[in-house]
């Protein structure tokens, strides 16, 4: 697989893209002698992603089979076991509001009268 520096890839970008698109060539781009990226065709990328998806699916199926066979443990149990209980979200605490004091019959009557007087004005 050919390699080139970032500067070379930048200067010959159109050519590199053509080689990947039409020739199916894969090009490794290096910075300071270390590979940092690869230029591949979209067809290669799709194949790579399909392979990754298949591997992820196999891993998920394996994990579900293992969980069905051996059982599961809650996240809360694991966090507490390893001293990480502080990471658990605690349910929100509802503030307790004091109940309003019961009004006497006289003050309730005055309140109604005051409201009625305001409406008349």
Protein backbone atom coordinates (compact mmCIF):
# COMPACT_ATOMS: atom_id res chain seq x y z
CA UNK A 1 0.00 0.00 0.00
CA UNK A 2 1.56 3.33 -1.00
CA UNK A 3 2.28 5.95 1.63
CA UNK A 4 2.80 9.68 1.35
CA UNK A 5 3.30 12.62 3.62
CA UNK A 6 0.56 15.06 4.45
CA UNK A 7 2.24 17.68 2.24
CA UNK A 8 2.42 15.26 -0.71
CA UNK A 9 -1.21 14.24 -0.26
CA UNK A 10 -2.21 17.90 -0.10
CA UNK A 11 -0.28 18.81 -3.27
CA UNK A 12 -1.56 15.79 -5.21
CA UNK A 13 -5.02 15.50 -3.66
CA UNK A 14 -6.97 15.19 -6.93
CA UNK A 15 -4.63 12.46 -8.16
CA UNK A 16 -4.87 10.58 -4.84
CA UNK A 17 -8.66 10.73 -4.95
CA UNK A 18 -8.73 9.48 -8.55
CA UNK A 19 -6.46 6.57 -7.63
CA UNK A 20 -8.73 5.60 -4.76
CA UNK A 21 -11.97 6.09 -6.68
CA UNK A 22 -11.14 4.45 -10.01
CA UNK A 23 -8.18 2.23 -9.21
CA UNK A 24 -9.41 1.05 -5.82
CA UNK A 25 -6.00 2.01 -4.46
CA UNK A 26 -5.60 2.66 -0.74
CA UNK A 27 -3.17 5.39 0.27
CA UNK A 28 -1.74 5.84 3.77
CA UNK A 29 -1.04 9.45 4.78
CA UNK A 30 1.81 9.97 7.26
CA UNK A 31 2.80 12.86 9.49
CA UNK A 32 6.33 12.82 10.92
CA UNK A 33 6.72 9.25 9.70
CA UNK A 34 3.62 7.97 11.52
CA UNK A 35 0.44 6.89 9.70
CA UNK A 36 -2.43 9.22 10.58
CA UNK A 37 -5.07 8.55 7.92
CA UNK A 38 -5.97 6.46 4.91
CA UNK A 39 -7.68 7.47 1.72
CA UNK A 40 -9.90 4.69 0.42
CA UNK A 41 -12.78 4.45 -2.03
CA UNK A 42 -16.32 4.71 -0.72
CA UNK A 43 -16.81 1.09 -1.83
CA UNK A 44 -13.97 0.00 0.48
CA UNK A 45 -15.41 2.11 3.28
CA UNK A 46 -18.84 0.47 2.90
CA UNK A 47 -17.25 -3.00 3.04
CA UNK A 48 -15.30 -2.03 6.16
CA UNK A 49 -18.41 -0.68 7.86
CA UNK A 50 -20.39 -3.81 6.94
CA UNK A 51 -17.65 -5.98 8.47
CA UNK A 52 -17.67 -3.85 11.63
CA UNK A 53 -21.48 -4.09 11.85
CA UNK A 54 -21.32 -7.88 11.50
CA UNK A 55 -18.67 -8.09 14.24
CA UNK A 56 -20.77 -5.85 16.50
CA UNK A 57 -23.83 -8.02 15.90
CA UNK A 58 -21.90 -11.21 16.76
CA UNK A 59 -20.59 -9.58 19.96
CA UNK A 60 -24.08 -8.45 20.94
CA UNK A 61 -25.55 -11.90 20.32
CA UNK A 62 -22.74 -13.44 22.40
CA UNK A 63 -23.38 -10.99 25.24
CA UNK A 64 -27.13 -11.70 25.21
CA UNK A 65 -26.51 -15.45 25.24
CA UNK A 66 -24.10 -15.09 28.15
CA UNK A 67 -26.56 -12.87 30.05
CA UNK A 68 -29.37 -15.41 29.54
CA UNK A 69 -27.12 -18.25 30.70
CA UNK A 70 -25.42 -16.57 33.68
CA UNK A 71 -27.90 -13.86 34.63
CA UNK A 72 -27.31 -10.16 35.00
CA UNK A 73 -26.39 -7.72 37.74
CA UNK A 74 -27.85 -4.25 38.03
CA UNK A 75 -25.70 -1.21 37.39
CA UNK A 76 -26.45 0.00 40.91
CA UNK A 77 -25.02 -3.22 42.38
CA UNK A 78 -21.82 -2.99 40.32
CA UNK A 79 -21.24 0.68 41.13
CA UNK A 80 -21.77 0.13 44.84
CA UNK A 81 -19.51 -2.97 44.82
CA UNK A 82 -16.61 -0.97 43.40
CA UNK A 83 -17.18 2.09 45.60
CA UNK A 84 -18.72 4.18 42.84
CA UNK A 85 -22.17 4.61 44.35
CA UNK A 86 -21.73 8.37 44.19
CA UNK A 87 -22.15 8.11 40.40
CA UNK A 88 -25.72 6.95 40.77
CA UNK A 89 -28.36 9.52 39.97
CA UNK A 90 -30.46 10.09 43.02
CA UNK A 91 -34.17 10.73 42.57
CA UNK A 92 -35.02 14.41 42.81
CA UNK A 93 -36.17 15.48 46.25
CA UNK A 94 -39.54 17.14 46.19
CA UNK A 95 -39.67 20.15 48.46
CA UNK A 96 -42.33 19.86 51.09
CA UNK A 97 -44.51 22.93 51.01
CA UNK A 98 -46.22 23.90 54.22
CA UNK A 99 -49.97 23.79 54.05
CA UNK A 100 -51.63 27.16 54.24
CA UNK A 101 -53.19 27.88 57.58
CA UNK A 102 -56.91 27.40 57.70
CA UNK A 103 -58.74 30.70 57.58
CA UNK A 104 -61.46 31.50 60.01
CA UNK A 105 -64.99 32.02 58.77
CA UNK A 106 -64.70 35.73 59.48
CA UNK A 107 -61.49 36.22 57.47
CA UNK A 108 -62.91 34.16 54.57
CA UNK A 109 -66.02 36.36 54.57
CA UNK A 110 -63.89 39.54 54.56
CA UNK A 111 -61.83 38.16 51.71
CA UNK A 112 -64.97 37.56 49.65
CA UNK A 113 -66.26 41.06 50.47
CA UNK A 114 -62.93 42.66 49.48
CA UNK A 115 -62.93 40.79 46.18
CA UNK A 116 -66.52 41.82 45.50
CA UNK A 117 -65.67 45.48 46.25
CA UNK A 118 -62.78 45.39 43.80
CA UNK A 119 -65.04 44.11 41.04
CA UNK A 120 -67.47 46.99 41.55
CA UNK A 121 -64.81 49.65 41.09
